[in-house]
Amino acid sequence: MTNTFEYLYLRYKEKFIYNHGQAKFNTIEEKVCDSVRIERLFSKSIQQRTDPSQADFGVAIQTTTYFILAGSDTSAMAEFIAVHFWNDTVNCHYHLCSEHTLYFKGESILKKWGKFYESFK
């Protein structure tokens, strides 16, 4: 199904790995999953029983040292990984947002970084 967050994530991930390599993806994933700012965002989400906005994910990524000067491809991938990680670790237990809302978070990431139409050519 093409209107799910997982579809957007996997499609962008596939294109990213094709263009930048698996090693770069692995590094980004490691940096996101080990980020103190992402950990704080997840804790806040649990405490407040709300889903972080796409902007919240963006701020957490863009204020992480590794991503401050990163290009748009890397930043978009990092935000996708953060939302995916949050969905797998927080949302799956607390059900704070629907698949529909997750899809719009993914769509918003693509639009923010100018990747929406490029990702689906």
C-alpha atoms as a PDB file:
ATOM      1  CA  MET A   1       0.000   0.000   0.000  1.00  0.00           C
ATOM      2  CA  THR A   2       1.464   3.342  -1.039  1.00  0.00           C
ATOM      3  CA  ASN A   3      -0.249   5.601   1.488  1.00  0.00           C
ATOM      4  CA  THR A   4       1.539   4.390   4.606  1.00  0.00           C
ATOM      5  CA  PHE A   5       4.458   5.812   6.526  1.00  0.00           C
ATOM      6  CA  GLU A   6       6.321   2.525   6.110  1.00  0.00           C
ATOM      7  CA  TYR A   7       6.037   2.799   2.328  1.00  0.00           C
ATOM      8  CA  LEU A   8       7.385   6.374   2.331  1.00  0.00           C
ATOM      9  CA  TYR A   9      10.195   5.401   4.693  1.00  0.00           C
ATOM     10  CA  LEU A  10      11.253   2.316   2.745  1.00  0.00           C
ATOM     11  CA  ARG A  11      11.041   4.115  -0.592  1.00  0.00           C
ATOM     12  CA  TYR A  12      13.186   7.017   0.601  1.00  0.00           C
ATOM     13  CA  LYS A  13      15.609   4.668   2.363  1.00  0.00           C
ATOM     14  CA  GLU A  14      16.025   2.638  -0.835  1.00  0.00           C
ATOM     15  CA  LYS A  15      16.789   5.755  -2.892  1.00  0.00           C
ATOM     16  CA  PHE A  16      19.111   7.090  -0.196  1.00  0.00           C
ATOM     17  CA  ILE A  17      21.138   3.866  -0.034  1.00  0.00           C
ATOM     18  CA  TYR A  18      21.306   3.747  -3.831  1.00  0.00           C
ATOM     19  CA  ASN A  19      22.693   7.307  -3.946  1.00  0.00           C
ATOM     20  CA  HIS A  20      24.860   7.364  -0.801  1.00  0.00           C
ATOM     21  CA  GLY A  21      25.535   3.748   0.180  1.00  0.00           C
ATOM     22  CA  GLN A  22      24.626   1.416   3.016  1.00  0.00           C
ATOM     23  CA  ALA A  23      27.515   2.601   5.206  1.00  0.00           C
ATOM     24  CA  LYS A  24      26.224   6.195   5.189  1.00  0.00           C
ATOM     25  CA  PHE A  25      22.722   4.995   6.053  1.00  0.00           C
ATOM     26  CA  ASN A  26      24.109   2.885   8.908  1.00  0.00           C
ATOM     27  CA  THR A  27      26.034   5.866  10.288  1.00  0.00           C
ATOM     28  CA  ILE A  28      22.938   8.078  10.207  1.00  0.00           C
ATOM     29  CA  GLU A  29      20.842   5.391  11.853  1.00  0.00           C
ATOM     30  CA  GLU A  30      23.431   4.950  14.606  1.00  0.00           C
ATOM     31  CA  LYS A  31      23.666   8.723  15.216  1.00  0.00           C
ATOM     32  CA  VAL A  32      19.876   9.066  15.415  1.00  0.00           C
ATOM     33  CA  CYS A  33      19.333   6.059  17.664  1.00  0.00           C
ATOM     34  CA  ASP A  34      22.151   7.141  20.016  1.00  0.00           C
ATOM     35  CA  SER A  35      21.117  10.813  20.119  1.00  0.00           C
ATOM     36  CA  VAL A  36      20.433  12.292  23.546  1.00  0.00           C
ATOM     37  CA  ARG A  37      18.061  14.796  21.941  1.00  0.00           C
ATOM     38  CA  ILE A  38      16.020  12.017  20.339  1.00  0.00           C
ATOM     39  CA  GLU A  39      15.963  10.153  23.653  1.00  0.00           C
ATOM     40  CA  ARG A  40      14.636  13.294  25.387  1.00  0.00           C
ATOM     41  CA  LEU A  41      11.998  13.753  22.693  1.00  0.00           C
ATOM     42  CA  PHE A  42      10.811  10.171  23.163  1.00  0.00           C
ATOM     43  CA  SER A  43      10.696  10.575  26.962  1.00  0.00           C
ATOM     44  CA  LYS A  44       8.709  13.786  26.613  1.00  0.00           C
ATOM     45  CA  SER A  45       6.320  12.037  24.239  1.00  0.00           C
ATOM     46  CA  ILE A  46       5.691   9.281  26.795  1.00  0.00           C
ATOM     47  CA  GLN A  47       5.350  11.683  29.729  1.00  0.00           C
ATOM     48  CA  GLN A  48       2.944  13.985  27.904  1.00  0.00           C
ATOM     49  CA  ARG A  49       1.167  11.143  26.100  1.00  0.00           C
ATOM     50  CA  THR A  50       1.419  12.953  22.776  1.00  0.00           C
ATOM     51  CA  ASP A  51       3.093  12.279  19.471  1.00  0.00           C
ATOM     52  CA  PRO A  52       5.933  14.635  18.552  1.00  0.00           C
ATOM     53  CA  SER A  53       5.239  16.820  15.546  1.00  0.00           C
ATOM     54  CA  GLN A  54       7.357  16.598  12.430  1.00  0.00           C
ATOM     55  CA  ALA A  55       8.865  19.919  13.551  1.00  0.00           C
ATOM     56  CA  ASP A  56       9.816  18.371  16.913  1.00  0.00           C
ATOM     57  CA  PHE A  57      11.681  15.604  15.106  1.00  0.00           C
ATOM     58  CA  GLY A  58      13.309  18.196  12.853  1.00  0.00           C
ATOM     59  CA  VAL A  59      14.570  20.280  15.776  1.00  0.00           C
ATOM     60  CA  ALA A  60      15.928  17.196  17.539  1.00  0.00           C
ATOM     61  CA  ILE A  61      17.835  16.192  14.396  1.00  0.00           C
ATOM     62  CA  GLN A  62      19.052  19.648  13.383  1.00  0.00           C
ATOM     63  CA  THR A  63      20.413  20.357  16.875  1.00  0.00           C
ATOM     64  CA  THR A  64      22.380  17.110  16.951  1.00  0.00           C
ATOM     65  CA  THR A  65      26.025  17.924  16.207  1.00  0.00           C
ATOM     66  CA  TYR A  66      26.444  15.366  13.423  1.00  0.00           C
ATOM     67  CA  PHE A  67      23.503  16.805  11.451  1.00  0.00           C
ATOM     68  CA  ILE A  68      24.056  20.559  11.884  1.00  0.00           C
ATOM     69  CA  LEU A  69      25.837  20.946   8.538  1.00  0.00           C
ATOM     70  CA  ALA A  70      24.320  17.893   6.844  1.00  0.00           C
ATOM     71  CA  GLY A  71      22.785  18.127   3.388  1.00  0.00           C
ATOM     72  CA  SER A  72      19.103  17.755   2.641  1.00  0.00           C
ATOM     73  CA  ASP A  73      19.327  14.049   1.709  1.00  0.00           C
ATOM     74  CA  THR A  74      21.012  13.213   5.016  1.00  0.00           C
ATOM     75  CA  SER A  75      18.716  15.422   7.092  1.00  0.00           C
ATOM     76  CA  ALA A  76      15.595  13.960   5.497  1.00  0.00           C
ATOM     77  CA  MET A  77      16.878  10.414   6.066  1.00  0.00           C
ATOM     78  CA  ALA A  78      17.700  11.234   9.692  1.00  0.00           C
ATOM     79  CA  GLU A  79      14.207  12.596  10.310  1.00  0.00           C
ATOM     80  CA  PHE A  80      12.659   9.528   8.687  1.00  0.00           C
ATOM     81  CA  ILE A  81      14.791   7.259  10.872  1.00  0.00           C
ATOM     82  CA  ALA A  82      13.796   9.235  13.981  1.00  0.00           C
ATOM     83  CA  VAL A  83      10.065   8.931  13.230  1.00  0.00           C
ATOM     84  CA  HIS A  84      10.467   5.249  12.354  1.00  0.00           C
ATOM     85  CA  PHE A  85      12.437   4.620  15.564  1.00  0.00           C
ATOM     86  CA  TRP A  86       9.803   6.484  17.615  1.00  0.00           C
ATOM     87  CA  ASN A  87       7.038   4.452  15.990  1.00  0.00           C
ATOM     88  CA  ASP A  88       8.840   1.174  16.718  1.00  0.00           C
ATOM     89  CA  THR A  89       9.806   1.990  20.309  1.00  0.00           C
ATOM     90  CA  VAL A  90       7.149   4.354  21.653  1.00  0.00           C
ATOM     91  CA  ASN A  91       4.070   4.417  19.436  1.00  0.00           C
ATOM     92  CA  CYS A  92       3.799   0.640  19.182  1.00  0.00           C
ATOM     93  CA  HIS A  93       3.325   0.500  22.983  1.00  0.00           C
ATOM     94  CA  TYR A  94       1.395   3.712  23.694  1.00  0.00           C
ATOM     95  CA  HIS A  95      -0.577   4.168  20.439  1.00  0.00           C
ATOM     96  CA  LEU A  96      -0.152   7.943  20.450  1.00  0.00           C
ATOM     97  CA  CYS A  97      -0.835   8.468  16.755  1.00  0.00           C
ATOM     98  CA  SER A  98      -2.502   6.686  13.891  1.00  0.00           C
ATOM     99  CA  GLU A  99      -0.960   5.341  10.704  1.00  0.00           C
ATOM    100  CA  HIS A 100      -2.662   8.207   8.898  1.00  0.00           C
ATOM    101  CA  THR A 101      -0.864  10.748  11.107  1.00  0.00           C
ATOM    102  CA  LEU A 102       2.451   8.924  10.627  1.00  0.00           C
ATOM    103  CA  TYR A 103       1.964   9.074   6.875  1.00  0.00           C
ATOM    104  CA  PHE A 104       1.522  12.848   7.040  1.00  0.00           C
ATOM    105  CA  LYS A 105       4.698  13.137   9.142  1.00  0.00           C
ATOM    106  CA  GLY A 106       6.578  11.276   6.398  1.00  0.00           C
ATOM    107  CA  GLU A 107       5.000  13.380   3.672  1.00  0.00           C
ATOM    108  CA  SER A 108       5.931  16.520   5.597  1.00  0.00           C
ATOM    109  CA  ILE A 109       9.573  15.407   5.834  1.00  0.00           C
ATOM    110  CA  LEU A 110       9.718  14.890   2.081  1.00  0.00           C
ATOM    111  CA  LYS A 111       8.151  18.267   1.375  1.00  0.00           C
ATOM    112  CA  LYS A 112      10.331  20.092   3.904  1.00  0.00           C
ATOM    113  CA  TRP A 113      13.525  18.828   2.303  1.00  0.00           C
ATOM    114  CA  GLY A 114      12.265  19.145  -1.284  1.00  0.00           C
ATOM    115  CA  LYS A 115      12.181  15.384  -1.812  1.00  0.00           C
ATOM    116  CA  PHE A 116       8.476  14.668  -2.269  1.00  0.00           C
ATOM    117  CA  TYR A 117       8.183  14.457  -6.031  1.00  0.00           C
ATOM    118  CA  GLU A 118      11.783  13.356  -6.507  1.00  0.00           C
ATOM    119  CA  SER A 119      11.206  10.274  -4.344  1.00  0.00           C
ATOM    120  CA  PHE A 120       8.374   8.959  -6.474  1.00  0.00           C
ATOM    121  CA  LYS A 121       9.718   9.367 -10.012  1.00  0.00           C
END
